[in-house]
């Protein structure tokens, strides 16, 4: 996973940094034994009650207990309940002594890597002190600012933490609370100041450039929340990340993972999904800056393609008639549903299904606007495998929402993804419903139209479905249901692929088949709403 590589890189950075800042041992000094977990209580007491060199030496020992060579200690140090190392480390961040502060940053970075620790550090009793201390170092523009940004970024990989992290807005004792946008000391405003005060082209590898780079990495994660994105969209941050991409001299093919450009494009992608921050990006000229990157292909091209789709770029903006955009986005959707990544580009979990389905829906809408009613543009997207995938996402949600439905999927989509999939199907209808040549009737098309129409109508009745999604689902169901009089090759093949998927998953194949074929009766009257049981039954055909 990207985050795993990031952690490895960060740990290597920490190890290298440690050799730079820790003073050399006096050759004449008596060698000291390596610290153990049993030493932590004494080390904490020294950190809290001593100052200067003694406190820094104790902090160094805490760092050594969780460095690259002692990863096994990281979870016990935070989660065992035996020690409170977070509070004294957070206190060290406020020291004027560079060594103690630096070592505390390194220790907190290492401790923030395990998933178990993230929840304690970001949401536990010491979270206010930890986040507050890290934010203070960044605000004061200390040389450790970039380490604090890395630590906060590590914590923000816990999605449950991203809203609370950006809500950090400290005020003096006895003063009224302030919203992050109204508080210059909030993390949001501190990050904005770091980006806006950066030189137009900071020297690569400098403390300032590293701070901006890792701040963008942190913002990338924080922007995954719609509430966070709305706040970020009201700052200068969108303009700054667009400028980072505009100002670079390196071609996208040479952008490395975790580079400033890589992070900045991720920020654009995440912000572009939400209304308020999307508007800020449009005002910053993001479309013109990001559009050329689509032609690069690979990961950066995929990110640029989805960002342009979110930013309502017209269909003509997508290279090669939209074919690469359709293929890469459909492939991403498939990989997410199958819980896998793509070698050399992205790991599973980097992108959310609602991101991929929204991008596909927005591409379909752009193509539909370019159509002249003949489906010429949408047919690029309406290939049977992609149509079937969208049907699969919707039907999986329908089955998961039905108490009496048997079977299920290994990947249960979220409601947003299903809504976007319905929107994509609706936009692609001109291409999906194209008739074969020559025109003919087809029992397979008749069955496909009936079953898909019923599935969409069932989806529209699910509690919690948005009014827009209900409307799109019903409209699509009506159009598909009315198209059964002629053969529809794309719809037939899409339906067949969808049916094959449901067979593999062990899902009921009659879930969306209409059962209203007749009413079985005997001498006493109607028995049930069932298909006729035998040829000599008396049926009233509806």
Protein backbone atom coordinates (compact mmCIF):
# COMPACT_ATOMS: atom_id res chain seq x y z
CA UNK A 1 0.00 0.00 0.00
CA UNK A 2 1.04 3.57 -0.59
CA UNK A 3 0.73 4.35 3.08
CA UNK A 4 3.00 1.42 3.88
CA UNK A 5 5.67 2.63 1.51
CA UNK A 6 5.25 6.08 2.93
CA UNK A 7 5.83 4.79 6.41
CA UNK A 8 8.90 2.91 5.33
CA UNK A 9 10.28 6.00 3.64
CA UNK A 10 9.49 8.06 6.68
CA UNK A 11 11.20 5.60 8.98
CA UNK A 12 14.29 5.68 6.82
CA UNK A 13 14.16 9.46 6.98
CA UNK A 14 13.88 9.31 10.76
CA UNK A 15 16.86 7.01 11.04
CA UNK A 16 18.94 9.26 8.83
CA UNK A 17 17.83 12.36 10.71
CA UNK A 18 18.63 10.74 14.01
CA UNK A 19 22.26 10.30 13.02
CA UNK A 20 22.39 14.02 12.19
CA UNK A 21 20.96 15.52 15.33
CA UNK A 22 21.96 13.19 18.16
CA UNK A 23 25.30 14.29 19.64
CA UNK A 24 28.16 11.85 19.40
CA UNK A 25 28.83 9.88 22.56
CA UNK A 26 31.92 10.82 24.51
CA UNK A 27 34.44 8.04 23.87
CA UNK A 28 35.56 8.22 27.49
CA UNK A 29 32.02 7.97 28.86
CA UNK A 30 30.87 4.73 30.41
CA UNK A 31 28.74 2.81 27.90
CA UNK A 32 25.08 2.70 28.88
CA UNK A 33 22.87 -0.33 28.40
CA UNK A 34 20.04 -0.06 25.84
CA UNK A 35 16.74 1.11 27.35
CA UNK A 36 13.88 -1.33 27.98
CA UNK A 37 10.15 -0.86 28.44
CA UNK A 38 10.67 -1.18 32.20
CA UNK A 39 12.68 2.05 32.10
CA UNK A 40 9.75 4.09 30.76
CA UNK A 41 8.31 5.29 34.12
CA UNK A 42 11.69 6.72 35.18
CA UNK A 43 12.26 8.26 31.76
CA UNK A 44 8.83 9.91 31.85
CA UNK A 45 9.54 11.36 35.30
CA UNK A 46 12.81 12.83 34.04
CA UNK A 47 11.13 14.30 30.94
CA UNK A 48 8.43 15.96 33.05
CA UNK A 49 10.56 17.22 35.94
CA UNK A 50 13.95 17.99 34.41
CA UNK A 51 15.01 20.47 31.75
CA UNK A 52 17.76 20.87 29.19
CA UNK A 53 20.19 18.03 28.59
CA UNK A 54 18.69 15.64 31.17
CA UNK A 55 15.22 15.93 29.68
CA UNK A 56 16.58 15.59 26.12
CA UNK A 57 18.59 12.49 27.13
CA UNK A 58 15.45 10.86 28.53
CA UNK A 59 13.53 11.76 25.37
CA UNK A 60 16.31 10.20 23.32
CA UNK A 61 15.91 6.94 25.26
CA UNK A 62 12.15 6.97 24.59
CA UNK A 63 12.89 7.48 20.91
CA UNK A 64 15.38 4.59 20.93
CA UNK A 65 12.69 2.33 22.37
CA UNK A 66 10.50 2.85 19.30
CA UNK A 67 13.04 3.42 16.53
CA UNK A 68 13.34 1.35 13.37
CA UNK A 69 15.11 -1.44 15.24
CA UNK A 70 12.43 -1.68 17.95
CA UNK A 71 9.14 -1.62 16.04
CA UNK A 72 7.75 -4.31 18.35
CA UNK A 73 7.66 -1.79 21.22
CA UNK A 74 5.48 0.79 19.48
CA UNK A 75 2.05 -0.66 20.24
CA UNK A 76 2.79 -1.60 23.89
CA UNK A 77 4.18 1.89 24.54
CA UNK A 78 0.86 3.49 23.51
CA UNK A 79 -1.87 0.87 23.87
CA UNK A 80 -0.90 -1.32 26.83
CA UNK A 81 -2.29 1.09 29.41
CA UNK A 82 0.91 0.81 31.45
CA UNK A 83 2.52 4.05 30.29
CA UNK A 84 1.57 7.56 29.29
CA UNK A 85 4.36 8.47 26.92
CA UNK A 86 2.20 10.75 24.78
CA UNK A 87 1.68 13.54 27.31
CA UNK A 88 5.39 14.06 28.12
CA UNK A 89 6.33 13.81 24.44
CA UNK A 90 3.70 16.43 23.60
CA UNK A 91 5.11 18.64 26.37
CA UNK A 92 8.60 18.28 24.86
CA UNK A 93 7.27 19.79 21.62
CA UNK A 94 6.93 23.12 23.42
CA UNK A 95 10.58 23.16 24.54
CA UNK A 96 12.93 25.79 23.21
CA UNK A 97 15.69 23.18 23.20
CA UNK A 98 16.07 21.94 19.66
CA UNK A 99 17.36 18.47 20.60
CA UNK A 100 14.51 17.59 22.93
CA UNK A 101 11.88 18.90 20.55
CA UNK A 102 13.43 17.12 17.59
CA UNK A 103 13.67 13.79 19.41
CA UNK A 104 10.06 14.10 20.58
CA UNK A 105 8.98 14.62 16.95
CA UNK A 106 10.89 11.52 15.87
CA UNK A 107 9.39 9.42 18.65
CA UNK A 108 5.84 10.60 17.92
CA UNK A 109 6.36 9.86 14.24
CA UNK A 110 7.38 6.28 14.97
CA UNK A 111 4.54 5.78 17.44
CA UNK A 112 1.99 7.12 14.93
CA UNK A 113 2.66 4.35 12.41
CA UNK A 114 0.78 1.31 13.87
CA UNK A 115 -2.95 1.36 13.18
CA UNK A 116 -3.72 0.56 16.81
CA UNK A 117 -1.82 3.64 17.96
CA UNK A 118 -3.50 6.05 15.56
CA UNK A 119 -6.84 5.86 17.34
CA UNK A 120 -5.28 6.49 20.76
CA UNK A 121 -3.12 9.36 19.53
CA UNK A 122 -5.78 11.08 17.41
CA UNK A 123 -8.92 10.40 19.43
CA UNK A 124 -7.77 9.38 22.92
CA UNK A 125 -7.29 11.42 26.14
CA UNK A 126 -3.91 12.76 25.03
CA UNK A 127 -5.05 13.69 21.51
CA UNK A 128 -5.57 17.37 22.29
CA UNK A 129 -2.04 17.67 23.70
CA UNK A 130 -0.48 15.70 20.83
CA UNK A 131 -2.27 17.50 17.99
CA UNK A 132 -1.89 20.83 19.77
CA UNK A 133 1.84 20.36 20.25
CA UNK A 134 2.39 19.33 16.63
CA UNK A 135 0.30 22.27 15.40
CA UNK A 136 2.28 24.70 17.59
CA UNK A 137 5.61 23.58 16.12
CA UNK A 138 4.25 24.08 12.58
CA UNK A 139 2.82 27.49 13.50
CA UNK A 140 6.17 28.63 14.90
CA UNK A 141 7.89 27.48 11.70
CA UNK A 142 10.45 25.41 13.56
CA UNK A 143 12.84 23.21 11.62
CA UNK A 144 10.82 20.19 12.80
CA UNK A 145 7.66 21.45 11.07
CA UNK A 146 7.89 18.84 8.35
CA UNK A 147 8.18 16.05 10.94
CA UNK A 148 5.02 17.32 12.61
CA UNK A 149 3.22 17.34 9.27
CA UNK A 150 4.34 13.75 8.66
CA UNK A 151 3.10 12.68 12.09
CA UNK A 152 -0.30 14.31 11.54
CA UNK A 153 -0.46 12.74 8.09
CA UNK A 154 0.20 9.31 9.62
CA UNK A 155 -2.63 9.85 12.09
CA UNK A 156 -4.97 11.00 9.31
CA UNK A 157 -4.76 7.60 7.62
CA UNK A 158 -7.30 6.63 10.28
CA UNK A 159 -10.40 7.90 8.52
CA UNK A 160 -12.33 8.22 11.77
CA UNK A 161 -9.82 10.87 12.86
CA UNK A 162 -9.75 13.25 9.91
CA UNK A 163 -12.66 15.43 10.97
CA UNK A 164 -11.47 15.81 14.56
CA UNK A 165 -7.89 16.58 13.45
CA UNK A 166 -8.95 19.51 11.27
CA UNK A 167 -11.33 20.75 13.96
CA UNK A 168 -8.33 21.52 16.20
CA UNK A 169 -8.85 25.18 17.12
CA UNK A 170 -7.14 26.14 20.41
CA UNK A 171 -8.09 29.23 22.43
CA UNK A 172 -6.76 30.66 25.66
CA UNK A 173 -8.11 29.47 28.99
CA UNK A 174 -11.49 31.00 29.79
CA UNK A 175 -12.03 32.26 26.24
CA UNK A 176 -14.93 31.30 24.00
CA UNK A 177 -14.38 28.54 21.46
CA UNK A 178 -13.70 29.59 17.88
CA UNK A 179 -14.47 27.75 14.67
CA UNK A 180 -11.34 26.73 12.71
CA UNK A 181 -12.01 29.26 9.94
CA UNK A 182 -12.27 32.06 12.50
CA UNK A 183 -9.16 31.14 14.48
CA UNK A 184 -5.69 32.02 13.15
CA UNK A 185 -4.23 29.41 15.54
CA UNK A 186 -6.35 26.54 14.20
CA UNK A 187 -4.61 23.75 12.32
CA UNK A 188 -6.52 24.75 9.19
CA UNK A 189 -5.20 28.32 9.26
CA UNK A 190 -1.71 27.19 10.30
CA UNK A 191 -1.51 24.90 7.25
CA UNK A 192 -2.86 27.66 5.03
CA UNK A 193 -0.19 30.04 6.33
CA UNK A 194 2.54 27.46 5.74
CA UNK A 195 1.49 27.08 2.09
CA UNK A 196 0.86 30.76 1.35
CA UNK A 197 4.14 31.90 2.93
CA UNK A 198 6.18 29.40 0.97
CA UNK A 199 8.45 30.73 -1.80
CA UNK A 200 7.01 30.35 -5.28
CA UNK A 201 9.60 27.65 -5.99
CA UNK A 202 11.09 26.54 -2.65
CA UNK A 203 14.54 25.01 -2.82
CA UNK A 204 14.18 21.24 -3.06
CA UNK A 205 15.15 19.49 0.15
CA UNK A 206 15.03 22.66 2.23
CA UNK A 207 13.09 22.74 5.50
CA UNK A 208 10.51 25.02 3.90
CA UNK A 209 9.98 22.77 0.89
CA UNK A 210 9.73 19.67 3.08
CA UNK A 211 7.17 21.39 5.29
CA UNK A 212 5.02 22.36 2.30
CA UNK A 213 5.35 18.88 0.78
CA UNK A 214 4.22 16.97 3.86
CA UNK A 215 1.56 19.57 4.65
CA UNK A 216 0.07 18.78 1.23
CA UNK A 217 0.27 15.08 2.11
CA UNK A 218 -1.70 15.79 5.28
CA UNK A 219 -4.27 17.93 3.42
CA UNK A 220 -4.68 15.15 0.85
CA UNK A 221 -6.01 12.86 3.59
CA UNK A 222 -8.04 15.53 5.39
CA UNK A 223 -9.80 16.51 2.14
CA UNK A 224 -11.47 13.08 1.90
CA UNK A 225 -14.17 14.36 4.25
CA UNK A 226 -16.85 16.56 2.70
CA UNK A 227 -17.04 18.72 5.85
CA UNK A 228 -13.27 19.20 5.81
CA UNK A 229 -13.24 19.94 2.09
CA UNK A 230 -15.90 22.62 2.60
CA UNK A 231 -13.66 24.38 5.14
CA UNK A 232 -10.53 23.97 3.02
CA UNK A 233 -12.42 25.43 0.06
CA UNK A 234 -12.89 28.68 2.00
CA UNK A 235 -9.12 29.16 2.40
CA UNK A 236 -6.25 29.86 0.01
CA UNK A 237 -5.21 26.20 0.06
CA UNK A 238 -6.93 25.22 -3.25
CA UNK A 239 -5.17 28.07 -5.01
CA UNK A 240 -1.82 27.02 -3.48
CA UNK A 241 -2.00 23.37 -4.54
CA UNK A 242 -3.00 24.33 -8.08
CA UNK A 243 -0.02 26.69 -8.15
CA UNK A 244 2.26 23.87 -6.95
CA UNK A 245 1.32 21.90 -10.07
CA UNK A 246 1.50 24.93 -12.35
CA UNK A 247 4.97 25.92 -11.10
CA UNK A 248 6.65 22.53 -11.40
CA UNK A 249 9.24 22.00 -14.10
CA UNK A 250 9.26 18.20 -13.80
CA UNK A 251 7.04 16.27 -16.26
CA UNK A 252 4.32 14.14 -14.60
CA UNK A 253 6.05 10.97 -15.74
CA UNK A 254 8.88 11.83 -13.33
CA UNK A 255 6.75 12.67 -10.32
CA UNK A 256 7.62 10.24 -7.57
CA UNK A 257 5.22 8.92 -4.98
CA UNK A 258 4.91 11.39 -2.07
CA UNK A 259 6.44 14.24 -4.08
CA UNK A 260 4.97 17.73 -3.77
CA UNK A 261 3.37 17.39 -7.21
CA UNK A 262 1.93 13.95 -6.42
CA UNK A 263 0.40 15.19 -3.16
CA UNK A 264 -0.90 18.40 -4.77
CA UNK A 265 -2.70 16.53 -7.56
CA UNK A 266 -4.22 14.21 -4.96
CA UNK A 267 -5.47 17.26 -3.04
CA UNK A 268 -7.06 18.61 -6.24
CA UNK A 269 -8.70 15.22 -6.87
CA UNK A 270 -10.13 14.96 -3.37
CA UNK A 271 -11.31 18.56 -3.19
CA UNK A 272 -12.89 18.37 -6.66
CA UNK A 273 -15.44 15.80 -5.43
CA UNK A 274 -17.22 18.23 -3.11
CA UNK A 275 -19.29 21.30 -4.14
CA UNK A 276 -17.69 24.17 -2.15
CA UNK A 277 -14.08 23.11 -2.66
CA UNK A 278 -14.81 22.28 -6.31
CA UNK A 279 -15.90 25.86 -6.87
CA UNK A 280 -12.65 27.12 -5.30
CA UNK A 281 -10.60 24.93 -7.65
CA UNK A 282 -12.49 26.17 -10.71
CA UNK A 283 -11.77 29.76 -9.66
CA UNK A 284 -8.09 28.85 -9.26
CA UNK A 285 -7.95 27.63 -12.87
CA UNK A 286 -7.47 23.98 -11.93
CA UNK A 287 -8.99 22.56 -15.13
CA UNK A 288 -6.46 24.22 -17.45
CA UNK A 289 -3.58 23.22 -15.17
CA UNK A 290 -4.63 19.59 -14.72
CA UNK A 291 -5.98 18.90 -18.23
CA UNK A 292 -2.57 18.31 -19.93
CA UNK A 293 -1.66 15.68 -17.31
CA UNK A 294 -4.41 13.35 -18.57
CA UNK A 295 -2.32 12.44 -21.60
CA UNK A 296 0.42 10.98 -19.37
CA UNK A 297 -1.54 7.84 -18.51
CA UNK A 298 -0.52 5.80 -15.46
CA UNK A 299 -1.38 6.98 -11.95
CA UNK A 300 -0.99 10.73 -12.51
CA UNK A 301 -3.06 10.53 -15.68
CA UNK A 302 -5.79 8.62 -13.84
CA UNK A 303 -5.90 11.21 -11.05
CA UNK A 304 -6.00 14.06 -13.58
CA UNK A 305 -8.76 12.33 -15.56
CA UNK A 306 -11.00 11.88 -12.52
CA UNK A 307 -10.28 15.43 -11.34
CA UNK A 308 -11.25 16.86 -14.74
CA UNK A 309 -14.44 14.77 -14.72
CA UNK A 310 -15.33 16.18 -11.29
CA UNK A 311 -14.55 19.71 -12.47
CA UNK A 312 -16.99 19.38 -15.38
CA UNK A 313 -14.44 19.45 -18.19
CA UNK A 314 -16.18 19.06 -21.54
CA UNK A 315 -15.96 15.73 -23.36
CA UNK A 316 -13.60 17.12 -26.02
CA UNK A 317 -11.01 17.74 -23.27
CA UNK A 318 -10.43 14.02 -22.73
CA UNK A 319 -7.70 12.64 -25.03
CA UNK A 320 -8.35 10.12 -27.81
CA UNK A 321 -12.09 10.53 -27.80
CA UNK A 322 -12.34 9.61 -24.12
CA UNK A 323 -11.20 6.02 -24.64
CA UNK A 324 -8.28 6.10 -22.13
CA UNK A 325 -10.48 7.87 -19.58
CA UNK A 326 -13.25 5.28 -19.89
CA UNK A 327 -10.86 2.34 -19.73
CA UNK A 328 -8.76 3.51 -16.76
CA UNK A 329 -11.76 4.58 -14.65
CA UNK A 330 -13.68 1.37 -15.36
CA UNK A 331 -10.57 -0.64 -14.49
CA UNK A 332 -10.27 1.26 -11.20
CA UNK A 333 -13.90 0.49 -10.34
CA UNK A 334 -13.32 -3.20 -11.09
CA UNK A 335 -10.16 -3.34 -8.99
CA UNK A 336 -11.85 -1.70 -6.00
CA UNK A 337 -14.81 -4.08 -6.15
CA UNK A 338 -12.40 -7.03 -6.42
CA UNK A 339 -10.29 -5.60 -3.58
CA UNK A 340 -7.05 -5.32 -5.48
CA UNK A 341 -4.69 -2.61 -6.71
CA UNK A 342 -2.71 -2.17 -9.90
CA UNK A 343 0.96 -3.09 -9.93
CA UNK A 344 3.24 -0.09 -10.06
CA UNK A 345 0.41 2.43 -9.78
CA UNK A 346 -1.85 2.13 -6.76
CA UNK A 347 -2.66 -0.26 -3.93
CA UNK A 348 -6.12 -1.36 -2.86
CA UNK A 349 -7.57 1.23 -0.49
CA UNK A 350 -5.92 4.29 -2.05
CA UNK A 351 -9.12 5.15 -3.93
CA UNK A 352 -12.69 4.78 -2.67
CA UNK A 353 -15.43 3.22 -4.75
CA UNK A 354 -17.54 6.38 -4.49
CA UNK A 355 -14.64 8.33 -6.04
CA UNK A 356 -14.34 5.96 -9.01
CA UNK A 357 -18.11 5.65 -9.59
CA UNK A 358 -18.59 9.41 -9.37
CA UNK A 359 -15.80 9.91 -11.92
CA UNK A 360 -17.44 7.38 -14.26
CA UNK A 361 -20.84 9.01 -13.80
CA UNK A 362 -19.40 12.46 -14.52
CA UNK A 363 -17.61 11.14 -17.61
CA UNK A 364 -20.90 9.64 -18.81
CA UNK A 365 -22.71 12.93 -18.23
CA UNK A 366 -20.01 14.82 -20.18
CA UNK A 367 -20.25 12.30 -23.02
CA UNK A 368 -24.04 12.50 -23.00
CA UNK A 369 -23.90 16.27 -23.38
CA UNK A 370 -21.65 15.83 -26.41
CA UNK A 371 -24.01 13.28 -27.97
CA UNK A 372 -26.53 14.32 -30.60
CA UNK A 373 -29.01 11.69 -29.52
CA UNK A 374 -27.20 8.87 -31.30
CA UNK A 375 -25.01 7.70 -28.39
CA UNK A 376 -21.84 8.30 -30.43
CA UNK A 377 -19.86 9.63 -27.45
CA UNK A 378 -21.45 7.57 -24.67
CA UNK A 379 -20.77 4.32 -26.54
CA UNK A 380 -17.10 4.75 -25.54
CA UNK A 381 -18.18 4.27 -21.92
CA UNK A 382 -21.15 1.93 -22.51
CA UNK A 383 -19.14 -1.22 -23.17
CA UNK A 384 -20.94 -4.28 -21.77
CA UNK A 385 -18.36 -5.02 -19.05
CA UNK A 386 -18.65 -1.48 -17.66
CA UNK A 387 -22.45 -1.43 -17.88
CA UNK A 388 -22.59 -4.79 -16.10
CA UNK A 389 -20.26 -3.47 -13.39
CA UNK A 390 -22.57 -0.54 -12.72
CA UNK A 391 -25.57 -2.89 -12.58
CA UNK A 392 -23.63 -5.11 -10.18
CA UNK A 393 -22.89 -2.21 -7.82
CA UNK A 394 -26.55 -1.20 -7.72
CA UNK A 395 -27.90 -4.74 -7.31
CA UNK A 396 -25.39 -5.57 -4.56
CA UNK A 397 -26.66 -2.59 -2.58
CA UNK A 398 -30.27 -3.64 -3.26
CA UNK A 399 -29.60 -7.18 -2.01
CA UNK A 400 -27.83 -5.91 1.10
CA UNK A 401 -30.82 -3.67 1.86
CA UNK A 402 -33.42 -6.43 1.48
CA UNK A 403 -33.95 -8.44 4.65
CA UNK A 404 -35.35 -11.47 2.81
CA UNK A 405 -32.72 -11.57 0.06
CA UNK A 406 -30.42 -14.57 -0.03
CA UNK A 407 -26.81 -14.49 -1.04
CA UNK A 408 -24.65 -11.42 -1.07
CA UNK A 409 -21.46 -9.89 -2.34
CA UNK A 410 -17.92 -9.92 -1.01
CA UNK A 411 -18.00 -6.15 -1.57
CA UNK A 412 -21.06 -4.28 -0.33
CA UNK A 413 -21.01 -0.83 -1.95
CA UNK A 414 -21.95 2.34 -0.14
CA UNK A 415 -25.13 4.23 -1.00
CA UNK A 416 -23.20 7.01 -2.77
CA UNK A 417 -21.51 4.53 -5.12
CA UNK A 418 -24.83 2.94 -6.04
CA UNK A 419 -26.33 6.38 -6.70
CA UNK A 420 -23.44 7.31 -9.00
CA UNK A 421 -23.75 3.94 -10.80
CA UNK A 422 -27.44 4.62 -11.44
CA UNK A 423 -26.50 8.06 -12.75
CA UNK A 424 -23.95 6.50 -15.10
CA UNK A 425 -26.47 3.99 -16.47
CA UNK A 426 -29.01 6.78 -16.96
CA UNK A 427 -26.50 8.94 -18.88
CA UNK A 428 -25.39 6.01 -21.06
CA UNK A 429 -28.92 4.92 -22.08
CA UNK A 430 -28.68 6.16 -25.71
CA UNK A 431 -25.73 3.84 -26.27
CA UNK A 432 -26.98 0.99 -24.06
CA UNK A 433 -30.33 0.84 -25.87
CA UNK A 434 -29.04 1.00 -29.44
CA UNK A 435 -30.82 -1.55 -31.63
CA UNK A 436 -29.11 -4.26 -33.61
CA UNK A 437 -28.82 -4.34 -37.37
CA UNK A 438 -31.14 -5.40 -38.83
CA UNK A 439 -33.88 -4.64 -36.32
CA UNK A 440 -35.43 -7.80 -34.84
CA UNK A 441 -37.20 -9.09 -31.76
CA UNK A 442 -35.18 -10.93 -29.12
CA UNK A 443 -36.37 -12.95 -26.13
CA UNK A 444 -33.01 -12.33 -24.47
CA UNK A 445 -33.43 -8.55 -24.80
CA UNK A 446 -36.99 -8.82 -23.51
CA UNK A 447 -35.76 -10.70 -20.42
CA UNK A 448 -32.86 -8.26 -19.90
CA UNK A 449 -35.12 -5.22 -20.14
CA UNK A 450 -37.61 -6.68 -17.67
CA UNK A 451 -35.06 -7.77 -15.07
CA UNK A 452 -32.90 -4.63 -15.17
CA UNK A 453 -35.97 -2.41 -15.09
CA UNK A 454 -37.32 -4.25 -12.04
CA UNK A 455 -33.95 -4.01 -10.28
CA UNK A 456 -33.79 -0.25 -10.81
CA UNK A 457 -37.37 0.17 -9.58
CA UNK A 458 -36.52 -1.88 -6.48
CA UNK A 459 -33.49 0.35 -5.90
CA UNK A 460 -35.66 3.47 -6.15
CA UNK A 461 -37.82 2.18 -3.28
CA UNK A 462 -34.93 1.64 -0.86
CA UNK A 463 -35.14 3.83 2.20
CA UNK A 464 -32.58 6.63 2.18
CA UNK A 465 -32.22 6.84 -1.60
CA UNK A 466 -31.92 10.50 -2.58
CA UNK A 467 -34.73 12.14 -4.58
CA UNK A 468 -32.40 12.65 -7.55
CA UNK A 469 -31.32 9.00 -7.53
CA UNK A 470 -34.95 7.85 -7.27
CA UNK A 471 -35.87 10.01 -10.26
CA UNK A 472 -32.93 8.79 -12.37
CA UNK A 473 -33.59 5.14 -11.47
CA UNK A 474 -37.31 5.36 -12.34
CA UNK A 475 -36.65 7.19 -15.60
CA UNK A 476 -34.01 4.65 -16.61
CA UNK A 477 -36.31 1.78 -15.61
CA UNK A 478 -39.13 3.19 -17.73
CA UNK A 479 -36.92 3.66 -20.79
CA UNK A 480 -35.34 0.21 -20.46
CA UNK A 481 -38.70 -1.46 -19.85
CA UNK A 482 -40.16 0.19 -22.94
CA UNK A 483 -37.24 -0.98 -25.12
CA UNK A 484 -38.11 -4.69 -25.00
CA UNK A 485 -39.74 -4.79 -28.43
CA UNK A 486 -36.41 -4.89 -30.29
CA UNK A 487 -33.05 -6.58 -29.82
CA UNK A 488 -30.59 -4.48 -27.80
CA UNK A 489 -27.14 -6.13 -28.21
CA UNK A 490 -25.26 -4.01 -25.63
CA UNK A 491 -28.00 -4.50 -23.04
CA UNK A 492 -28.17 -8.25 -23.74
CA UNK A 493 -24.44 -8.79 -23.25
CA UNK A 494 -24.39 -6.53 -20.19
CA UNK A 495 -27.26 -8.49 -18.67
CA UNK A 496 -25.50 -11.78 -19.40
CA UNK A 497 -22.30 -10.59 -17.67
CA UNK A 498 -24.32 -9.34 -14.69
CA UNK A 499 -26.09 -12.73 -14.48
CA UNK A 500 -22.76 -14.58 -14.60
CA UNK A 501 -21.49 -12.45 -11.73
CA UNK A 502 -24.56 -13.26 -9.63
CA UNK A 503 -24.13 -16.97 -10.33
CA UNK A 504 -20.51 -16.84 -9.13
CA UNK A 505 -21.58 -15.01 -5.98
CA UNK A 506 -24.37 -17.47 -5.27
CA UNK A 507 -27.02 -14.76 -5.48
CA UNK A 508 -30.64 -15.60 -6.31
CA UNK A 509 -31.22 -15.26 -10.04
CA UNK A 510 -34.97 -14.76 -9.73
CA UNK A 511 -34.73 -11.78 -7.36
CA UNK A 512 -35.66 -9.23 -10.02
CA UNK A 513 -37.84 -11.40 -12.27
CA UNK A 514 -41.48 -10.44 -12.22
CA UNK A 515 -43.56 -13.19 -10.57
CA UNK A 516 -46.91 -11.74 -11.58
CA UNK A 517 -47.67 -14.31 -14.29
CA UNK A 518 -51.11 -15.39 -13.12
CA UNK A 519 -53.37 -16.22 -10.23
CA UNK A 520 -53.81 -19.89 -9.39
CA UNK A 521 -57.39 -20.78 -8.32
CA UNK A 522 -59.41 -23.77 -7.23
CA UNK A 523 -63.13 -24.21 -6.67
CA UNK A 524 -62.92 -22.01 -3.57
CA UNK A 525 -61.22 -19.10 -5.34
CA UNK A 526 -57.68 -17.67 -5.73
CA UNK A 527 -54.90 -19.47 -3.84
CA UNK A 528 -51.86 -17.21 -4.19
CA UNK A 529 -49.99 -14.92 -6.52
CA UNK A 530 -47.96 -17.74 -8.06
CA UNK A 531 -47.17 -18.94 -11.58
CA UNK A 532 -49.59 -21.55 -12.82
CA UNK A 533 -48.72 -24.90 -11.25
CA UNK A 534 -49.90 -27.14 -14.07
CA UNK A 535 -51.40 -26.98 -17.52
CA UNK A 536 -54.87 -27.90 -16.31
CA UNK A 537 -55.04 -25.17 -13.64
CA UNK A 538 -57.51 -22.38 -14.12
CA UNK A 539 -55.50 -19.18 -14.67
CA UNK A 540 -56.51 -15.58 -14.86
CA UNK A 541 -53.79 -13.90 -16.89
CA UNK A 542 -53.01 -10.38 -15.72
